[in-house]
Amino acid sequence: MPERQRADARRNYARILAVAEEEVAAHGAGASLEQIARTVGVGSATVRRHFPTRRALLEAVSRKRIEALCVRAHDLTDRGDSRNALLEWLSDVVAYCVSARGLAAALAYDDAGTDPAHENACSAALEEAAGPLLRRAVQDGAVAPGVAVADLITLVVGIALATEHYPDPAAQADRLFRLAVAGLSPES
């Protein structure tokens, strides 16, 4: 949100974001923009002015969690076992995606990636933060060459989206992640 906005526009943004966080927590990525507008007491055009797309809304709602995951990647970068450090971070991403409804959708890649003006800011931030973790694991021979952070994020998003309607999505997502980890290891 631009710093130069009028005070009422900044207040609207903050109120919309607070209500959006509640709506996304309750309804996931399908949270109704119209319901958010009604709850805040503004028109849907005001919501769309601040968040022109659903992705923009989901990215704003997910920003704090993304920042925490970026800090976590940085903290794990110098950890002794590079494979375990990468897997610990990925496990954290899975857990966040499962617990924070809407985060997996915010991370999902779509055709917007072909237009830099509509880059997926959440995924881009995680790719940048996790790059050193992955490079170190590849250099140590702990992860197969050719694996990209984007591949890992896509895998995590797929697991989170596939398990969100299970009775215990966290347990199912963790089980599937552990199954997928074998595919990260280099061939012996």
N, C-alpha and C. Protein backbone atom coordinates (compact mmCIF):
# COMPACT_ATOMS: atom_id res chain seq x y z
N MET A 1 0.85 -1.17 0.00
CA MET A 1 0.00 0.00 0.00
C MET A 1 0.89 1.23 0.00
N PRO A 2 0.69 2.14 -0.92
CA PRO A 2 1.52 3.34 -0.98
C PRO A 2 1.40 4.17 0.28
N GLU A 3 2.55 4.70 0.73
CA GLU A 3 2.59 5.52 1.94
C GLU A 3 1.85 6.83 1.76
N ARG A 4 1.71 7.30 0.53
CA ARG A 4 1.12 8.61 0.26
C ARG A 4 -0.40 8.58 0.21
N GLN A 5 -1.00 7.44 0.45
CA GLN A 5 -2.45 7.39 0.41
C GLN A 5 -3.04 8.24 1.53
N ARG A 6 -4.23 8.69 1.29
CA ARG A 6 -4.95 9.46 2.32
C ARG A 6 -5.14 8.57 3.55
N ALA A 7 -5.32 9.23 4.68
CA ALA A 7 -5.50 8.52 5.95
C ALA A 7 -6.69 7.57 5.90
N ASP A 8 -7.81 8.01 5.28
CA ASP A 8 -8.98 7.13 5.22
C ASP A 8 -8.72 5.92 4.33
N ALA A 9 -7.94 6.08 3.28
CA ALA A 9 -7.60 4.95 2.41
C ALA A 9 -6.71 3.96 3.16
N ARG A 10 -5.78 4.48 3.96
CA ARG A 10 -4.92 3.59 4.76
C ARG A 10 -5.75 2.83 5.79
N ARG A 11 -6.70 3.52 6.42
CA ARG A 11 -7.58 2.86 7.40
C ARG A 11 -8.42 1.79 6.71
N ASN A 12 -8.98 2.12 5.54
CA ASN A 12 -9.77 1.13 4.79
C ASN A 12 -8.92 -0.10 4.47
N TYR A 13 -7.70 0.14 4.01
CA TYR A 13 -6.80 -0.97 3.67
C TYR A 13 -6.60 -1.87 4.90
N ALA A 14 -6.29 -1.25 6.04
CA ALA A 14 -6.03 -2.02 7.26
C ALA A 14 -7.28 -2.81 7.68
N ARG A 15 -8.45 -2.18 7.60
CA ARG A 15 -9.69 -2.87 7.98
C ARG A 15 -10.00 -3.99 7.01
N ILE A 16 -9.83 -3.73 5.72
CA ILE A 16 -10.09 -4.77 4.71
C ILE A 16 -9.16 -5.95 4.93
N LEU A 17 -7.88 -5.66 5.16
CA LEU A 17 -6.91 -6.74 5.36
C LEU A 17 -7.25 -7.56 6.61
N ALA A 18 -7.64 -6.91 7.70
CA ALA A 18 -7.99 -7.62 8.93
C ALA A 18 -9.19 -8.54 8.70
N VAL A 19 -10.21 -8.04 8.04
CA VAL A 19 -11.40 -8.85 7.76
C VAL A 19 -11.03 -9.97 6.77
N ALA A 20 -10.22 -9.64 5.78
CA ALA A 20 -9.80 -10.65 4.80
C ALA A 20 -9.06 -11.79 5.48
N GLU A 21 -8.21 -11.47 6.45
CA GLU A 21 -7.49 -12.52 7.18
C GLU A 21 -8.47 -13.47 7.87
N GLU A 22 -9.52 -12.91 8.48
CA GLU A 22 -10.53 -13.74 9.14
C GLU A 22 -11.31 -14.58 8.12
N GLU A 23 -11.69 -13.96 7.00
CA GLU A 23 -12.45 -14.67 5.98
C GLU A 23 -11.63 -15.80 5.34
N VAL A 24 -10.36 -15.52 5.06
CA VAL A 24 -9.51 -16.55 4.46
C VAL A 24 -9.28 -17.68 5.46
N ALA A 25 -9.10 -17.34 6.74
CA ALA A 25 -8.93 -18.37 7.76
C ALA A 25 -10.17 -19.27 7.83
N ALA A 26 -11.34 -18.66 7.67
CA ALA A 26 -12.58 -19.43 7.76
C ALA A 26 -12.94 -20.17 6.48
N HIS A 27 -12.65 -19.56 5.32
CA HIS A 27 -13.13 -20.11 4.04
C HIS A 27 -12.03 -20.43 3.04
N GLY A 28 -10.78 -20.23 3.41
CA GLY A 28 -9.69 -20.53 2.50
C GLY A 28 -9.62 -19.57 1.33
N ALA A 29 -9.01 -20.02 0.26
CA ALA A 29 -8.78 -19.17 -0.91
C ALA A 29 -10.07 -18.73 -1.57
N GLY A 30 -11.17 -19.40 -1.30
CA GLY A 30 -12.45 -19.04 -1.90
C GLY A 30 -13.21 -17.98 -1.12
N ALA A 31 -12.57 -17.34 -0.15
CA ALA A 31 -13.23 -16.31 0.64
C ALA A 31 -13.88 -15.28 -0.29
N SER A 32 -15.05 -14.86 0.07
CA SER A 32 -15.82 -13.94 -0.76
C SER A 32 -15.35 -12.50 -0.60
N LEU A 33 -14.95 -11.90 -1.72
CA LEU A 33 -14.55 -10.49 -1.70
C LEU A 33 -15.75 -9.61 -1.36
N GLU A 34 -16.92 -10.03 -1.81
CA GLU A 34 -18.13 -9.26 -1.52
C GLU A 34 -18.45 -9.31 -0.03
N GLN A 35 -18.26 -10.48 0.58
CA GLN A 35 -18.51 -10.61 2.02
C GLN A 35 -17.52 -9.75 2.80
N ILE A 36 -16.29 -9.73 2.36
CA ILE A 36 -15.28 -8.88 3.00
C ILE A 36 -15.73 -7.43 2.94
N ALA A 37 -16.17 -6.99 1.77
CA ALA A 37 -16.63 -5.60 1.60
C ALA A 37 -17.81 -5.31 2.51
N ARG A 38 -18.78 -6.24 2.57
CA ARG A 38 -19.96 -6.03 3.42
C ARG A 38 -19.55 -5.92 4.89
N THR A 39 -18.67 -6.81 5.33
CA THR A 39 -18.25 -6.81 6.74
C THR A 39 -17.53 -5.51 7.10
N VAL A 40 -16.69 -5.04 6.19
CA VAL A 40 -15.94 -3.80 6.43
C VAL A 40 -16.86 -2.59 6.33
N GLY A 41 -17.92 -2.70 5.51
CA GLY A 41 -18.83 -1.58 5.31
C GLY A 41 -18.38 -0.67 4.19
N VAL A 42 -17.74 -1.28 3.19
CA VAL A 42 -17.32 -0.52 2.00
C VAL A 42 -17.87 -1.23 0.77
N GLY A 43 -17.81 -0.58 -0.35
CA GLY A 43 -18.23 -1.21 -1.59
C GLY A 43 -17.19 -2.19 -2.09
N SER A 44 -17.63 -3.14 -2.90
CA SER A 44 -16.70 -4.13 -3.44
C SER A 44 -15.64 -3.45 -4.32
N ALA A 45 -15.98 -2.30 -4.92
CA ALA A 45 -15.00 -1.57 -5.72
C ALA A 45 -13.84 -1.08 -4.85
N THR A 46 -14.12 -0.73 -3.62
CA THR A 46 -13.05 -0.29 -2.69
C THR A 46 -12.12 -1.46 -2.39
N VAL A 47 -12.69 -2.63 -2.16
CA VAL A 47 -11.86 -3.82 -1.91
C VAL A 47 -11.01 -4.09 -3.14
N ARG A 48 -11.61 -4.03 -4.32
CA ARG A 48 -10.87 -4.31 -5.55
C ARG A 48 -9.83 -3.24 -5.87
N ARG A 49 -10.04 -2.04 -5.42
CA ARG A 49 -9.05 -0.98 -5.63
C ARG A 49 -7.77 -1.32 -4.84
N HIS A 50 -7.95 -1.83 -3.63
CA HIS A 50 -6.80 -2.20 -2.81
C HIS A 50 -6.22 -3.56 -3.24
N PHE A 51 -7.09 -4.47 -3.65
CA PHE A 51 -6.69 -5.83 -4.03
C PHE A 51 -7.34 -6.17 -5.36
N PRO A 52 -6.70 -5.79 -6.48
CA PRO A 52 -7.33 -5.94 -7.79
C PRO A 52 -7.59 -7.40 -8.21
N THR A 53 -6.88 -8.33 -7.57
CA THR A 53 -7.09 -9.75 -7.89
C THR A 53 -7.17 -10.55 -6.60
N ARG A 54 -7.74 -11.73 -6.71
CA ARG A 54 -7.79 -12.62 -5.54
C ARG A 54 -6.37 -12.94 -5.08
N ARG A 55 -5.46 -13.14 -6.04
CA ARG A 55 -4.07 -13.44 -5.68
C ARG A 55 -3.48 -12.30 -4.86
N ALA A 56 -3.75 -11.05 -5.24
CA ALA A 56 -3.23 -9.90 -4.48
C ALA A 56 -3.73 -9.94 -3.04
N LEU A 57 -4.99 -10.29 -2.87
CA LEU A 57 -5.56 -10.40 -1.53
C LEU A 57 -4.89 -11.53 -0.75
N LEU A 58 -4.77 -12.70 -1.38
CA LEU A 58 -4.15 -13.84 -0.70
C LEU A 58 -2.69 -13.57 -0.35
N GLU A 59 -1.99 -12.88 -1.25
CA GLU A 59 -0.59 -12.53 -0.96
C GLU A 59 -0.49 -11.59 0.23
N ALA A 60 -1.38 -10.61 0.29
CA ALA A 60 -1.36 -9.67 1.42
C ALA A 60 -1.68 -10.40 2.72
N VAL A 61 -2.67 -11.28 2.69
CA VAL A 61 -3.06 -12.04 3.88
C VAL A 61 -1.91 -12.97 4.32
N SER A 62 -1.16 -13.49 3.37
CA SER A 62 -0.10 -14.46 3.66
C SER A 62 1.26 -13.82 3.93
N ARG A 63 1.38 -12.52 3.76
CA ARG A 63 2.69 -11.85 3.83
C ARG A 63 3.47 -12.18 5.10
N LYS A 64 2.85 -12.13 6.27
CA LYS A 64 3.58 -12.39 7.52
C LYS A 64 4.09 -13.83 7.58
N ARG A 65 3.28 -14.76 7.11
CA ARG A 65 3.71 -16.16 7.12
C ARG A 65 4.86 -16.38 6.14
N ILE A 66 4.78 -15.73 4.99
CA ILE A 66 5.85 -15.85 4.00
C ILE A 66 7.14 -15.28 4.58
N GLU A 67 7.05 -14.13 5.22
CA GLU A 67 8.24 -13.53 5.84
C GLU A 67 8.83 -14.46 6.89
N ALA A 68 7.98 -15.10 7.69
CA ALA A 68 8.48 -16.03 8.71
C ALA A 68 9.18 -17.23 8.06
N LEU A 69 8.64 -17.73 6.95
CA LEU A 69 9.28 -18.85 6.25
C LEU A 69 10.61 -18.42 5.63
N CYS A 70 10.70 -17.19 5.17
CA CYS A 70 11.96 -16.69 4.61
C CYS A 70 13.02 -16.58 5.71
N VAL A 71 12.63 -16.08 6.87
CA VAL A 71 13.55 -15.99 8.00
C VAL A 71 14.00 -17.39 8.40
N ARG A 72 13.06 -18.33 8.42
CA ARG A 72 13.38 -19.72 8.79
C ARG A 72 14.39 -20.31 7.81
N ALA A 73 14.22 -20.07 6.51
CA ALA A 73 15.17 -20.58 5.52
C ALA A 73 16.56 -20.00 5.78
N HIS A 74 16.62 -18.72 6.06
CA HIS A 74 17.90 -18.08 6.36
C HIS A 74 18.55 -18.70 7.60
N ASP A 75 17.75 -18.93 8.64
CA ASP A 75 18.26 -19.51 9.89
C ASP A 75 18.81 -20.92 9.67
N LEU A 76 18.23 -21.66 8.74
CA LEU A 76 18.65 -23.05 8.51
C LEU A 76 19.80 -23.17 7.51
N THR A 77 20.15 -22.09 6.83
CA THR A 77 21.13 -22.16 5.75
C THR A 77 22.48 -22.71 6.20
N ASP A 78 22.92 -22.37 7.37
CA ASP A 78 24.24 -22.83 7.83
C ASP A 78 24.16 -24.04 8.75
N ARG A 79 23.02 -24.66 8.83
CA ARG A 79 22.86 -25.85 9.67
C ARG A 79 23.74 -26.97 9.13
N GLY A 80 24.29 -27.79 9.99
CA GLY A 80 25.25 -28.83 9.62
C GLY A 80 24.86 -29.72 8.45
N ASP A 81 23.77 -30.43 8.56
CA ASP A 81 23.35 -31.38 7.53
C ASP A 81 22.44 -30.65 6.54
N SER A 82 22.96 -30.41 5.34
CA SER A 82 22.23 -29.60 4.36
C SER A 82 20.92 -30.24 3.92
N ARG A 83 20.89 -31.55 3.80
CA ARG A 83 19.65 -32.24 3.40
C ARG A 83 18.60 -32.09 4.48
N ASN A 84 18.99 -32.33 5.73
CA ASN A 84 18.04 -32.20 6.83
C ASN A 84 17.55 -30.76 6.97
N ALA A 85 18.44 -29.80 6.75
CA ALA A 85 18.03 -28.38 6.84
C ALA A 85 16.98 -28.07 5.78
N LEU A 86 17.20 -28.52 4.55
CA LEU A 86 16.24 -28.29 3.47
C LEU A 86 14.92 -28.99 3.77
N LEU A 87 14.99 -30.24 4.22
CA LEU A 87 13.76 -30.98 4.51
C LEU A 87 13.02 -30.39 5.69
N GLU A 88 13.74 -29.88 6.68
CA GLU A 88 13.09 -29.23 7.82
C GLU A 88 12.32 -27.99 7.35
N TRP A 89 12.96 -27.21 6.48
CA TRP A 89 12.30 -26.01 5.95
C TRP A 89 11.07 -26.39 5.13
N LEU A 90 11.21 -27.36 4.25
CA LEU A 90 10.08 -27.80 3.43
C LEU A 90 8.94 -28.33 4.30
N SER A 91 9.27 -29.05 5.36
CA SER A 91 8.26 -29.53 6.29
C SER A 91 7.53 -28.36 6.95
N ASP A 92 8.28 -27.30 7.27
CA ASP A 92 7.66 -26.09 7.83
C ASP A 92 6.71 -25.46 6.81
N VAL A 93 7.12 -25.44 5.54
CA VAL A 93 6.26 -24.87 4.49
C VAL A 93 4.98 -25.69 4.38
N VAL A 94 5.11 -27.01 4.40
CA VAL A 94 3.93 -27.88 4.34
C VAL A 94 3.01 -27.57 5.52
N ALA A 95 3.57 -27.51 6.72
CA ALA A 95 2.76 -27.26 7.92
C ALA A 95 2.07 -25.90 7.84
N TYR A 96 2.78 -24.88 7.38
CA TYR A 96 2.18 -23.55 7.22
C TYR A 96 1.04 -23.59 6.22
N CYS A 97 1.27 -24.25 5.09
CA CYS A 97 0.25 -24.31 4.04
C CYS A 97 -1.01 -25.01 4.54
N VAL A 98 -0.84 -26.04 5.35
CA VAL A 98 -1.98 -26.78 5.86
C VAL A 98 -2.72 -25.96 6.92
N SER A 99 -1.97 -25.27 7.78
CA SER A 99 -2.60 -24.55 8.88
C SER A 99 -3.15 -23.19 8.46
N ALA A 100 -2.57 -22.59 7.44
CA ALA A 100 -2.99 -21.25 7.00
C ALA A 100 -3.78 -21.37 5.72
N ARG A 101 -5.07 -21.51 5.88
CA ARG A 101 -5.92 -21.66 4.69
C ARG A 101 -5.67 -20.49 3.75
N GLY A 102 -5.53 -20.79 2.49
CA GLY A 102 -5.29 -19.75 1.49
C GLY A 102 -3.84 -19.60 1.12
N LEU A 103 -2.91 -20.04 1.99
CA LEU A 103 -1.49 -19.89 1.69
C LEU A 103 -1.10 -20.74 0.49
N ALA A 104 -1.57 -21.97 0.42
CA ALA A 104 -1.22 -22.82 -0.74
C ALA A 104 -1.70 -22.17 -2.03
N ALA A 105 -2.89 -21.60 -2.02
CA ALA A 105 -3.40 -20.94 -3.22
C ALA A 105 -2.56 -19.71 -3.56
N ALA A 106 -2.07 -19.02 -2.54
CA ALA A 106 -1.21 -17.85 -2.79
C ALA A 106 0.11 -18.27 -3.40
N LEU A 107 0.56 -19.47 -3.07
CA LEU A 107 1.84 -19.96 -3.60
C LEU A 107 1.71 -20.66 -4.95
N ALA A 108 0.50 -21.05 -5.31
CA ALA A 108 0.30 -21.80 -6.54
C ALA A 108 0.72 -20.98 -7.75
N TYR A 109 1.42 -21.65 -8.64
CA TYR A 109 1.84 -21.01 -9.88
C TYR A 109 0.69 -21.04 -10.87
N ASP A 110 0.61 -20.03 -11.69
CA ASP A 110 -0.36 -20.02 -12.77
C ASP A 110 0.27 -19.32 -13.95
N ASP A 111 -0.51 -19.03 -14.96
CA ASP A 111 0.06 -18.41 -16.16
C ASP A 111 0.47 -16.96 -15.93
N ALA A 112 0.23 -16.42 -14.74
CA ALA A 112 0.67 -15.06 -14.44
C ALA A 112 2.20 -14.98 -14.45
N GLY A 113 2.85 -16.13 -14.27
CA GLY A 113 4.31 -16.15 -14.26
C GLY A 113 4.92 -15.69 -15.57
N THR A 114 4.16 -15.68 -16.63
CA THR A 114 4.68 -15.24 -17.92
C THR A 114 4.71 -13.72 -18.02
N ASP A 115 4.06 -13.04 -17.09
CA ASP A 115 4.00 -11.59 -17.09
C ASP A 115 4.64 -11.07 -15.81
N PRO A 116 5.86 -10.48 -15.90
CA PRO A 116 6.56 -10.05 -14.70
C PRO A 116 5.75 -9.06 -13.86
N ALA A 117 4.84 -8.32 -14.44
CA ALA A 117 4.03 -7.37 -13.68
C ALA A 117 3.09 -8.09 -12.73
N HIS A 118 2.82 -9.36 -13.00
CA HIS A 118 1.91 -10.14 -12.17
C HIS A 118 2.64 -11.33 -11.53
N GLU A 119 3.91 -11.14 -11.23
CA GLU A 119 4.71 -12.20 -10.64
C GLU A 119 4.09 -12.66 -9.32
N ASN A 120 4.22 -13.93 -9.03
CA ASN A 120 3.74 -14.48 -7.78
C ASN A 120 4.74 -14.09 -6.69
N ALA A 121 4.44 -13.01 -5.98
CA ALA A 121 5.37 -12.45 -4.99
C ALA A 121 5.66 -13.42 -3.86
N CYS A 122 4.66 -14.18 -3.44
CA CYS A 122 4.87 -15.13 -2.34
C CYS A 122 5.88 -16.21 -2.74
N SER A 123 5.65 -16.83 -3.89
CA SER A 123 6.56 -17.87 -4.35
C SER A 123 7.94 -17.30 -4.66
N ALA A 124 7.98 -16.11 -5.24
CA ALA A 124 9.28 -15.50 -5.56
C ALA A 124 10.09 -15.27 -4.28
N ALA A 125 9.45 -14.81 -3.22
CA ALA A 125 10.15 -14.58 -1.95
C ALA A 125 10.67 -15.89 -1.38
N LEU A 126 9.87 -16.93 -1.44
CA LEU A 126 10.31 -18.23 -0.92
C LEU A 126 11.42 -18.82 -1.78
N GLU A 127 11.32 -18.65 -3.09
CA GLU A 127 12.38 -19.15 -3.97
C GLU A 127 13.71 -18.49 -3.65
N GLU A 128 13.68 -17.19 -3.47
CA GLU A 128 14.91 -16.46 -3.15
C GLU A 128 15.47 -16.91 -1.79
N ALA A 129 14.60 -17.05 -0.80
CA ALA A 129 15.05 -17.42 0.54
C ALA A 129 15.58 -18.85 0.59
N ALA A 130 14.95 -19.76 -0.14
CA ALA A 130 15.34 -21.17 -0.08
C ALA A 130 16.45 -21.53 -1.05
N GLY A 131 16.77 -20.64 -1.97
CA GLY A 131 17.83 -20.91 -2.95
C GLY A 131 19.12 -21.38 -2.31
N PRO A 132 19.64 -20.65 -1.31
CA PRO A 132 20.89 -21.10 -0.67
C PRO A 132 20.77 -22.47 0.00
N LEU A 133 19.63 -22.77 0.59
CA LEU A 133 19.43 -24.09 1.21
C LEU A 133 19.53 -25.19 0.16
N LEU A 134 18.86 -25.00 -0.96
CA LEU A 134 18.86 -26.01 -2.01
C LEU A 134 20.24 -26.12 -2.66
N ARG A 135 20.86 -24.98 -2.96
CA ARG A 135 22.19 -25.03 -3.60
C ARG A 135 23.19 -25.79 -2.74
N ARG A 136 23.15 -25.55 -1.45
CA ARG A 136 24.07 -26.23 -0.54
C ARG A 136 23.79 -27.74 -0.51
N ALA A 137 22.51 -28.12 -0.49
CA ALA A 137 22.17 -29.54 -0.48
C ALA A 137 22.59 -30.21 -1.78
N VAL A 138 22.45 -29.53 -2.91
CA VAL A 138 22.89 -30.07 -4.19
C VAL A 138 24.41 -30.20 -4.21
N GLN A 139 25.13 -29.16 -3.76
CA GLN A 139 26.60 -29.19 -3.72
C GLN A 139 27.10 -30.32 -2.83
N ASP A 140 26.39 -30.60 -1.75
CA ASP A 140 26.79 -31.68 -0.84
C ASP A 140 26.41 -33.06 -1.37
N GLY A 141 25.72 -33.10 -2.51
CA GLY A 141 25.28 -34.38 -3.07
C GLY A 141 24.08 -34.96 -2.34
N ALA A 142 23.41 -34.15 -1.53
CA ALA A 142 22.27 -34.61 -0.73
C ALA A 142 20.95 -34.50 -1.47
N VAL A 143 20.92 -33.74 -2.54
CA VAL A 143 19.73 -33.57 -3.37
C VAL A 143 20.19 -33.67 -4.82
N ALA A 144 19.37 -34.29 -5.62
CA ALA A 144 19.71 -34.50 -7.03
C ALA A 144 19.86 -33.17 -7.76
N PRO A 145 20.87 -33.07 -8.63
CA PRO A 145 21.00 -31.86 -9.45
C PRO A 145 19.75 -31.71 -10.33
N GLY A 146 19.43 -30.49 -10.64
CA GLY A 146 18.28 -30.24 -11.50
C GLY A 146 17.00 -29.96 -10.74
N VAL A 147 16.99 -30.21 -9.43
CA VAL A 147 15.82 -29.87 -8.62
C VAL A 147 15.85 -28.37 -8.41
N ALA A 148 14.71 -27.71 -8.62
CA ALA A 148 14.61 -26.26 -8.43
C ALA A 148 13.67 -25.98 -7.26
N VAL A 149 13.87 -24.83 -6.61
CA VAL A 149 12.99 -24.45 -5.51
C VAL A 149 11.54 -24.38 -6.02
N ALA A 150 11.34 -23.91 -7.23
CA ALA A 150 9.99 -23.85 -7.79
C ALA A 150 9.35 -25.24 -7.84
N ASP A 151 10.16 -26.27 -8.14
CA ASP A 151 9.65 -27.64 -8.13
C ASP A 151 9.17 -28.03 -6.73
N LEU A 152 9.97 -27.67 -5.74
CA LEU A 152 9.65 -28.03 -4.36
C LEU A 152 8.40 -27.29 -3.87
N ILE A 153 8.27 -26.03 -4.24
CA ILE A 153 7.08 -25.27 -3.85
C ILE A 153 5.84 -25.86 -4.52
N THR A 154 5.97 -26.22 -5.79
CA THR A 154 4.85 -26.84 -6.50
C THR A 154 4.44 -28.14 -5.82
N LEU A 155 5.42 -28.94 -5.41
CA LEU A 155 5.15 -30.18 -4.71
C LEU A 155 4.41 -29.93 -3.40
N VAL A 156 4.89 -28.97 -2.62
CA VAL A 156 4.27 -28.64 -1.33
C VAL A 156 2.85 -28.13 -1.52
N VAL A 157 2.66 -27.24 -2.50
CA VAL A 157 1.32 -26.70 -2.78
C VAL A 157 0.38 -27.84 -3.17
N GLY A 158 0.85 -28.74 -4.02
CA GLY A 158 0.02 -29.87 -4.43
C GLY A 158 -0.39 -30.73 -3.24
N ILE A 159 0.55 -31.00 -2.36
CA ILE A 159 0.24 -31.79 -1.16
C ILE A 159 -0.79 -31.06 -0.30
N ALA A 160 -0.57 -29.77 -0.07
CA ALA A 160 -1.49 -29.01 0.79
C ALA A 160 -2.88 -28.95 0.19
N LEU A 161 -2.97 -28.68 -1.10
CA LEU A 161 -4.29 -28.60 -1.74
C LEU A 161 -4.98 -29.96 -1.79
N ALA A 162 -4.21 -31.02 -2.00
CA ALA A 162 -4.79 -32.36 -2.09
C ALA A 162 -5.29 -32.88 -0.75
N THR A 163 -4.77 -32.36 0.34
CA THR A 163 -5.13 -32.89 1.66
C THR A 163 -6.03 -31.97 2.47
N GLU A 164 -6.39 -30.80 1.93
CA GLU A 164 -7.10 -29.83 2.76
C GLU A 164 -8.48 -30.28 3.23
N HIS A 165 -9.09 -31.28 2.58
CA HIS A 165 -10.41 -31.73 3.00
C HIS A 165 -10.38 -33.06 3.75
N TYR A 166 -9.19 -33.54 4.09
CA TYR A 166 -9.08 -34.76 4.89
C TYR A 166 -9.48 -34.45 6.33
N PRO A 167 -9.92 -35.47 7.06
CA PRO A 167 -10.28 -35.23 8.47
C PRO A 167 -9.09 -34.67 9.27
N ASP A 168 -7.89 -35.13 8.97
CA ASP A 168 -6.68 -34.61 9.63
C ASP A 168 -5.69 -34.21 8.53
N PRO A 169 -5.89 -33.02 7.95
CA PRO A 169 -5.05 -32.63 6.82
C PRO A 169 -3.57 -32.55 7.16
N ALA A 170 -3.23 -32.16 8.38
CA ALA A 170 -1.81 -32.04 8.75
C ALA A 170 -1.13 -33.40 8.73
N ALA A 171 -1.77 -34.40 9.28
CA ALA A 171 -1.18 -35.75 9.30
C ALA A 171 -1.06 -36.31 7.89
N GLN A 172 -2.10 -36.12 7.08
CA GLN A 172 -2.07 -36.63 5.71
C GLN A 172 -1.01 -35.91 4.89
N ALA A 173 -0.92 -34.59 5.05
CA ALA A 173 0.08 -33.82 4.30
C ALA A 173 1.49 -34.24 4.71
N ASP A 174 1.71 -34.44 6.00
CA ASP A 174 3.02 -34.88 6.47
C ASP A 174 3.37 -36.26 5.90
N ARG A 175 2.39 -37.16 5.88
CA ARG A 175 2.62 -38.50 5.32
C ARG A 175 2.99 -38.42 3.85
N LEU A 176 2.26 -37.61 3.08
CA LEU A 176 2.55 -37.48 1.65
C LEU A 176 3.89 -36.80 1.41
N PHE A 177 4.21 -35.82 2.24
CA PHE A 177 5.50 -35.15 2.10
C PHE A 177 6.62 -36.15 2.33
N ARG A 178 6.52 -36.96 3.37
CA ARG A 178 7.55 -37.97 3.64
C ARG A 178 7.69 -38.95 2.48
N LEU A 179 6.55 -39.30 1.87
CA LEU A 179 6.59 -40.18 0.70
C LEU A 179 7.33 -39.51 -0.45
N ALA A 180 7.09 -38.24 -0.63
CA ALA A 180 7.71 -37.51 -1.74
C ALA A 180 9.20 -37.28 -1.52
N VAL A 181 9.64 -37.23 -0.29
CA VAL A 181 11.04 -36.94 0.01
C VAL A 181 11.98 -37.94 -0.66
N ALA A 182 11.58 -39.17 -0.76
CA ALA A 182 12.42 -40.16 -1.41
C ALA A 182 12.75 -39.74 -2.84
N GLY A 183 11.87 -38.99 -3.48
CA GLY A 183 12.13 -38.51 -4.83
C GLY A 183 13.12 -37.37 -4.89
N LEU A 184 13.41 -36.75 -3.75
CA LEU A 184 14.40 -35.67 -3.71
C LEU A 184 15.83 -36.18 -3.62
N SER A 185 15.98 -37.39 -3.14
CA SER A 185 17.32 -37.94 -2.92
C SER A 185 17.96 -38.33 -4.25
N PRO A 186 19.27 -38.11 -4.35
CA PRO A 186 19.94 -38.53 -5.58
C PRO A 186 19.94 -40.06 -5.67
N GLU A 187 19.98 -40.54 -6.91
CA GLU A 187 20.03 -42.00 -7.09
C GLU A 187 21.37 -42.51 -6.60
N SER A 188 21.32 -43.71 -5.95
CA SER A 188 22.57 -44.27 -5.44
C SER A 188 23.24 -45.16 -6.44
